[in-house]
Amino acid sequence: MDKLYIVSKYITFIGSILKGFWEHLFCRILGVPVQDARYLQANELCGHVDHDFTKTRTTTFLLCWLPGLMNRVFAYGMLVGGYLGLFVVRAGADTVIFWIYLLLFYLGASLICNNAPLYEDALNNWDLVYGKDSGTNAIVKALAFLPSVYFLASAWLEKYAISFLLCVIATVIGIII
């Protein structure tokens, strides 16, 4: 699965680079030291930056949430616009607008496939909020539950390239229907 993960990250390289950039930016803003800022690496850090583990719940939560949010904000409009233009309106391949829709769809898919935190960051967030010695009060636990589950689930899906495969399946369905 590691090879499929790397291949999916290189196919969606624009989303990988932007996700790495957002992570790097928010690490700098939050004061988290970055060890390696290469955004495209042939390992599990592809599309991420190598940074120190965060020690506080707030910093960890924000580092898991903000970079993916930035990719999602840009992805939704491009993905929906491109999908509607390609598979609902069905612009002809000989028109300029077809290529614009195709570019929008690729950019949106690339960004949406790269919106999850690194799996280790999601696990660190879970441990800091719900671990044995977390000391987190019940209100914070209740408010952080759904986002923390989302971080874990999306990071797991991205780790095994399932988010990429789901995007490919949605594309194939759009072509067939």
Protein backbone atom coordinates (compact mmCIF):
# COMPACT_ATOMS: atom_id res chain seq x y z
CA MET A 1 0.00 0.00 0.00
CA ASP A 2 2.93 2.34 0.51
CA LYS A 3 3.60 2.37 -3.22
CA LEU A 4 -0.03 3.19 -4.00
CA TYR A 5 0.14 6.01 -1.44
CA ILE A 6 3.26 7.47 -3.09
CA VAL A 7 1.77 7.09 -6.58
CA SER A 8 -1.45 8.80 -5.49
CA LYS A 9 0.52 11.67 -3.96
CA TYR A 10 2.55 12.17 -7.14
CA ILE A 11 -0.55 11.99 -9.36
CA THR A 12 -2.18 14.64 -7.17
CA PHE A 13 1.09 16.55 -6.79
CA ILE A 14 -0.54 19.99 -6.78
CA GLY A 15 -2.66 19.08 -3.76
CA SER A 16 0.35 17.43 -2.10
CA ILE A 17 2.51 20.50 -2.55
CA LEU A 18 -0.21 22.87 -1.34
CA LYS A 19 -0.98 20.68 1.69
CA GLY A 20 2.72 20.61 2.56
CA PHE A 21 2.88 24.38 2.13
CA TRP A 22 -0.13 24.93 4.41
CA GLU A 23 1.34 22.59 7.02
CA HIS A 24 4.66 24.41 6.86
CA LEU A 25 2.96 27.79 7.14
CA PHE A 26 0.84 26.78 10.13
CA CYS A 27 3.82 25.11 11.84
CA ARG A 28 5.62 28.44 11.58
CA ILE A 29 2.58 30.39 12.82
CA LEU A 30 2.02 27.99 15.75
CA GLY A 31 5.70 27.85 16.65
CA VAL A 32 6.20 24.15 15.85
CA PRO A 33 9.78 23.40 14.71
CA VAL A 34 10.00 21.90 11.21
CA GLN A 35 12.73 19.31 10.64
CA ASP A 36 12.30 18.71 6.90
CA ALA A 37 10.29 20.97 4.60
CA ARG A 38 10.42 18.90 1.43
CA TYR A 39 6.81 18.54 0.32
CA LEU A 40 7.23 15.69 -2.18
CA GLN A 41 9.17 12.79 -0.70
CA ALA A 42 8.98 9.13 -1.63
CA ASN A 43 7.81 8.08 1.85
CA GLU A 44 4.89 8.55 4.26
CA LEU A 45 5.73 12.28 4.55
CA CYS A 46 4.81 12.94 0.93
CA GLY A 47 2.54 15.98 1.01
CA HIS A 48 3.47 16.77 4.61
CA VAL A 49 6.34 18.38 6.48
CA ASP A 50 8.40 16.62 9.11
CA HIS A 51 7.83 18.54 12.33
CA ASP A 52 8.21 17.97 16.05
CA PHE A 53 5.30 16.44 17.93
CA THR A 54 3.17 19.12 19.46
CA LYS A 55 2.70 19.15 23.21
CA THR A 56 -0.56 21.07 23.71
CA ARG A 57 -4.08 20.07 22.70
CA THR A 58 -4.82 23.41 21.04
CA THR A 59 -1.69 23.44 18.89
CA THR A 60 -2.18 19.82 17.88
CA PHE A 61 -5.84 20.37 17.04
CA LEU A 62 -5.10 23.46 14.96
CA LEU A 63 -2.24 21.75 13.13
CA CYS A 64 -4.54 18.87 12.24
CA TRP A 65 -7.43 21.11 11.22
CA LEU A 66 -6.13 24.27 9.51
CA PRO A 67 -3.96 22.91 6.63
CA GLY A 68 -6.71 20.52 5.51
CA LEU A 69 -9.30 23.26 5.84
CA MET A 70 -7.35 25.45 3.46
CA ASN A 71 -7.24 22.66 0.86
CA ARG A 72 -10.96 21.93 1.33
CA VAL A 73 -11.94 25.59 0.96
CA PHE A 74 -10.32 25.75 -2.47
CA ALA A 75 -11.24 22.20 -3.48
CA TYR A 76 -15.01 22.23 -3.14
CA GLY A 77 -15.72 24.93 -5.71
CA MET A 78 -13.26 23.59 -8.24
CA LEU A 79 -14.31 19.97 -7.80
CA VAL A 80 -18.04 20.64 -8.01
CA GLY A 81 -17.67 23.10 -10.90
CA GLY A 82 -15.45 20.75 -12.86
CA TYR A 83 -17.62 17.71 -12.13
CA LEU A 84 -20.81 19.48 -13.18
CA GLY A 85 -19.19 20.82 -16.35
CA LEU A 86 -17.71 17.48 -17.35
CA PHE A 87 -20.37 15.01 -16.29
CA VAL A 88 -23.66 16.93 -16.08
CA VAL A 89 -23.39 19.59 -18.78
CA ARG A 90 -21.03 17.32 -20.76
CA ALA A 91 -19.05 20.01 -22.53
CA GLY A 92 -17.65 18.76 -25.82
CA ALA A 93 -13.98 17.74 -25.86
CA ASP A 94 -13.36 20.06 -28.81
CA THR A 95 -14.24 23.19 -26.84
CA VAL A 96 -12.03 25.36 -24.66
CA ILE A 97 -14.51 25.20 -21.79
CA PHE A 98 -14.07 21.39 -21.66
CA TRP A 99 -10.38 21.83 -20.89
CA ILE A 100 -11.18 24.44 -18.25
CA TYR A 101 -13.66 22.06 -16.61
CA LEU A 102 -11.09 19.27 -16.81
CA LEU A 103 -8.44 21.46 -15.16
CA LEU A 104 -10.88 22.54 -12.44
CA PHE A 105 -11.87 18.94 -11.79
CA TYR A 106 -8.24 17.78 -11.57
CA LEU A 107 -7.27 20.66 -9.25
CA GLY A 108 -10.29 20.07 -7.01
CA ALA A 109 -9.69 16.32 -6.87
CA SER A 110 -6.02 16.90 -6.19
CA LEU A 111 -6.80 19.20 -3.28
CA ILE A 112 -9.57 17.05 -1.81
CA CYS A 113 -7.37 13.93 -1.90
CA ASN A 114 -4.77 15.79 0.18
CA ASN A 115 -6.71 17.35 3.03
CA ALA A 116 -6.05 14.94 5.90
CA PRO A 117 -3.45 15.38 8.62
CA LEU A 118 -0.54 13.01 8.94
CA TYR A 119 -1.75 9.84 10.67
CA GLU A 120 0.72 10.31 13.52
CA ASP A 121 -0.57 13.85 14.08
CA ALA A 122 -4.15 12.56 14.24
CA LEU A 123 -3.11 9.90 16.75
CA ASN A 124 -1.23 12.52 18.78
CA ASN A 125 -4.36 14.70 18.81
CA TRP A 126 -6.47 11.76 19.99
CA ASP A 127 -3.98 10.88 22.72
CA LEU A 128 -3.71 14.46 23.98
CA VAL A 129 -7.49 14.82 24.20
CA TYR A 130 -8.65 11.30 25.13
CA GLY A 131 -5.52 9.61 26.54
CA LYS A 132 -5.34 8.26 30.09
CA ASP A 133 -3.37 11.19 31.47
CA SER A 134 -4.87 13.90 29.28
CA GLY A 135 -6.69 15.78 32.04
CA THR A 136 -9.16 17.08 29.46
CA ASN A 137 -12.54 18.13 30.84
CA ALA A 138 -15.77 16.63 29.52
CA ILE A 139 -16.87 19.75 27.61
CA VAL A 140 -13.64 19.87 25.58
CA LYS A 141 -13.86 16.13 24.96
CA ALA A 142 -17.43 16.48 23.70
CA LEU A 143 -16.60 19.42 21.43
CA ALA A 144 -13.46 17.78 20.04
CA PHE A 145 -14.97 14.34 19.45
CA LEU A 146 -16.32 14.69 15.90
CA PRO A 147 -13.31 16.62 14.55
CA SER A 148 -10.93 14.14 16.19
CA VAL A 149 -12.76 11.18 14.67
CA TYR A 150 -12.67 12.98 11.32
CA PHE A 151 -8.90 13.53 11.67
CA LEU A 152 -8.32 9.84 12.39
CA ALA A 153 -10.66 8.55 9.68
CA SER A 154 -9.44 10.90 6.94
CA ALA A 155 -5.78 10.35 7.85
CA TRP A 156 -6.32 6.57 7.72
CA LEU A 157 -8.10 6.84 4.36
CA GLU A 158 -5.29 8.98 2.97
CA LYS A 159 -2.57 6.73 4.44
CA TYR A 160 -3.89 3.79 2.43
CA ALA A 161 -4.74 5.90 -0.66
CA ILE A 162 -8.44 5.11 -0.26
CA SER A 163 -9.41 8.77 -0.66
CA PHE A 164 -7.61 8.77 -4.02
CA LEU A 165 -9.32 5.52 -5.07
CA LEU A 166 -12.73 6.95 -4.09
CA CYS A 167 -12.03 9.98 -6.27
CA VAL A 168 -11.09 7.70 -9.17
CA ILE A 169 -14.30 5.68 -8.64
CA ALA A 170 -16.39 8.88 -8.61
CA THR A 171 -14.73 9.93 -11.87
CA VAL A 172 -15.44 6.58 -13.50
CA ILE A 173 -19.07 6.73 -12.34
CA GLY A 174 -19.35 10.24 -13.79
CA ILE A 175 -18.01 9.02 -17.12
CA ILE A 176 -20.30 5.97 -17.25
CA ILE A 177 -23.52 7.63 -16.17
